[in-house]
Amino acid sequence: MKPHLVIECINTSDILDIIKRGGNERFNDDGTTSGKVGPRWELIYKYSYVFRRITHVFFKYNRNLIKKSRKTKWDLLQ
């Protein structure tokens, strides 16, 4: 059965997932996924507000853990 019409809904979080985790290359042939590995300090970032502040102010990461100096696909869309 082939549909006549397919509607796809995309929101901001979907775009950010593609930027952070990768596009179609993260899907394996066996149906599993393999994404980009985050920074080693991500666990500390998860629990410490002080570390988050240091990360944002001094290391210039945004809340998606992307360096502000790095151009992304998201920047091209804006």
C-alpha atoms as a PDB file:
ATOM      1  CA  MET A   1       0.000   0.000   0.000  1.00  0.00           C
ATOM      2  CA  LYS A   2       1.514   3.327  -1.074  1.00  0.00           C
ATOM      3  CA  PRO A   3       0.225   6.566   0.425  1.00  0.00           C
ATOM      4  CA  HIS A   4      -0.822   9.405  -1.862  1.00  0.00           C
ATOM      5  CA  LEU A   5       0.319  12.062   0.573  1.00  0.00           C
ATOM      6  CA  VAL A   6       2.937  12.110   3.319  1.00  0.00           C
ATOM      7  CA  ILE A   7       2.999  14.936   5.861  1.00  0.00           C
ATOM      8  CA  GLU A   8       6.196  15.455   7.840  1.00  0.00           C
ATOM      9  CA  CYS A   9       6.303  17.766  10.835  1.00  0.00           C
ATOM     10  CA  ILE A  10       9.655  19.193  11.917  1.00  0.00           C
ATOM     11  CA  ASN A  11      10.278  21.494  14.853  1.00  0.00           C
ATOM     12  CA  THR A  12      13.299  23.254  16.346  1.00  0.00           C
ATOM     13  CA  SER A  13      14.300  20.301  18.512  1.00  0.00           C
ATOM     14  CA  ASP A  14      14.517  18.083  15.409  1.00  0.00           C
ATOM     15  CA  ILE A  15      16.944  20.507  13.786  1.00  0.00           C
ATOM     16  CA  LEU A  16      19.034  20.652  16.965  1.00  0.00           C
ATOM     17  CA  ASP A  17      19.118  16.828  17.088  1.00  0.00           C
ATOM     18  CA  ILE A  18      20.550  16.767  13.580  1.00  0.00           C
ATOM     19  CA  ILE A  19      23.184  19.356  14.519  1.00  0.00           C
ATOM     20  CA  LYS A  20      24.161  17.636  17.772  1.00  0.00           C
ATOM     21  CA  ARG A  21      23.814  13.956  16.845  1.00  0.00           C
ATOM     22  CA  GLY A  22      24.289  13.894  13.088  1.00  0.00           C
ATOM     23  CA  GLY A  23      22.006  13.222  10.155  1.00  0.00           C
ATOM     24  CA  ASN A  24      21.241  10.001   8.321  1.00  0.00           C
ATOM     25  CA  GLU A  25      24.774   8.735   8.878  1.00  0.00           C
ATOM     26  CA  ARG A  26      23.864   7.916  12.506  1.00  0.00           C
ATOM     27  CA  PHE A  27      21.393   5.190  11.436  1.00  0.00           C
ATOM     28  CA  ASN A  28      22.943   1.743  10.990  1.00  0.00           C
ATOM     29  CA  ASP A  29      21.742  -0.946   8.573  1.00  0.00           C
ATOM     30  CA  ASP A  30      20.581  -3.178  11.435  1.00  0.00           C
ATOM     31  CA  GLY A  31      18.169  -0.500  12.735  1.00  0.00           C
ATOM     32  CA  THR A  32      20.346   0.761  15.591  1.00  0.00           C
ATOM     33  CA  THR A  33      21.845   4.219  15.917  1.00  0.00           C
ATOM     34  CA  SER A  34      25.340   5.431  16.643  1.00  0.00           C
ATOM     35  CA  GLY A  35      25.759   9.114  17.334  1.00  0.00           C
ATOM     36  CA  LYS A  36      28.461  11.557  18.174  1.00  0.00           C
ATOM     37  CA  VAL A  37      29.970  11.229  21.623  1.00  0.00           C
ATOM     38  CA  GLY A  38      29.650  14.314  23.805  1.00  0.00           C
ATOM     39  CA  PRO A  39      32.499  15.847  25.802  1.00  0.00           C
ATOM     40  CA  ARG A  40      33.906  13.830  28.727  1.00  0.00           C
ATOM     41  CA  TRP A  41      32.799  16.524  31.160  1.00  0.00           C
ATOM     42  CA  GLU A  42      29.149  16.312  30.120  1.00  0.00           C
ATOM     43  CA  LEU A  43      28.190  14.435  33.306  1.00  0.00           C
ATOM     44  CA  ILE A  44      29.579  17.235  35.497  1.00  0.00           C
ATOM     45  CA  TYR A  45      27.689  19.752  33.336  1.00  0.00           C
ATOM     46  CA  LYS A  46      24.495  17.797  33.940  1.00  0.00           C
ATOM     47  CA  TYR A  47      24.620  18.215  37.726  1.00  0.00           C
ATOM     48  CA  SER A  48      26.607  21.380  38.464  1.00  0.00           C
ATOM     49  CA  TYR A  49      25.180  24.863  37.864  1.00  0.00           C
ATOM     50  CA  VAL A  50      28.552  26.398  38.687  1.00  0.00           C
ATOM     51  CA  PHE A  51      30.267  24.252  36.046  1.00  0.00           C
ATOM     52  CA  ARG A  52      27.575  25.207  33.530  1.00  0.00           C
ATOM     53  CA  ARG A  53      28.239  28.890  34.159  1.00  0.00           C
ATOM     54  CA  ILE A  54      31.992  28.400  33.739  1.00  0.00           C
ATOM     55  CA  THR A  55      31.390  26.449  30.535  1.00  0.00           C
ATOM     56  CA  HIS A  56      29.185  29.180  29.060  1.00  0.00           C
ATOM     57  CA  VAL A  57      31.176  32.239  30.144  1.00  0.00           C
ATOM     58  CA  PHE A  58      34.804  31.136  29.880  1.00  0.00           C
ATOM     59  CA  PHE A  59      34.730  28.321  27.297  1.00  0.00           C
ATOM     60  CA  LYS A  60      32.015  29.937  25.131  1.00  0.00           C
ATOM     61  CA  TYR A  61      29.731  26.886  24.791  1.00  0.00           C
ATOM     62  CA  ASN A  62      26.001  27.399  24.321  1.00  0.00           C
ATOM     63  CA  ARG A  63      23.396  25.312  26.144  1.00  0.00           C
ATOM     64  CA  ASN A  64      23.582  22.664  23.413  1.00  0.00           C
ATOM     65  CA  LEU A  65      27.321  22.260  24.138  1.00  0.00           C
ATOM     66  CA  ILE A  66      28.281  23.742  20.786  1.00  0.00           C
ATOM     67  CA  LYS A  67      31.123  26.273  20.735  1.00  0.00           C
ATOM     68  CA  LYS A  68      29.894  29.724  19.766  1.00  0.00           C
ATOM     69  CA  SER A  69      32.840  30.085  17.396  1.00  0.00           C
ATOM     70  CA  ARG A  70      31.800  26.961  15.440  1.00  0.00           C
ATOM     71  CA  LYS A  71      29.539  27.580  12.462  1.00  0.00           C
ATOM     72  CA  THR A  72      26.710  25.057  12.250  1.00  0.00           C
ATOM     73  CA  LYS A  73      23.929  24.164   9.852  1.00  0.00           C
ATOM     74  CA  TRP A  74      21.599  26.031  12.226  1.00  0.00           C
ATOM     75  CA  ASP A  75      23.525  29.273  11.590  1.00  0.00           C
ATOM     76  CA  LEU A  76      22.957  28.855   7.872  1.00  0.00           C
ATOM     77  CA  LEU A  77      19.199  28.570   8.393  1.00  0.00           C
ATOM     78  CA  GLN A  78      18.942  31.837  10.312  1.00  0.00           C
END
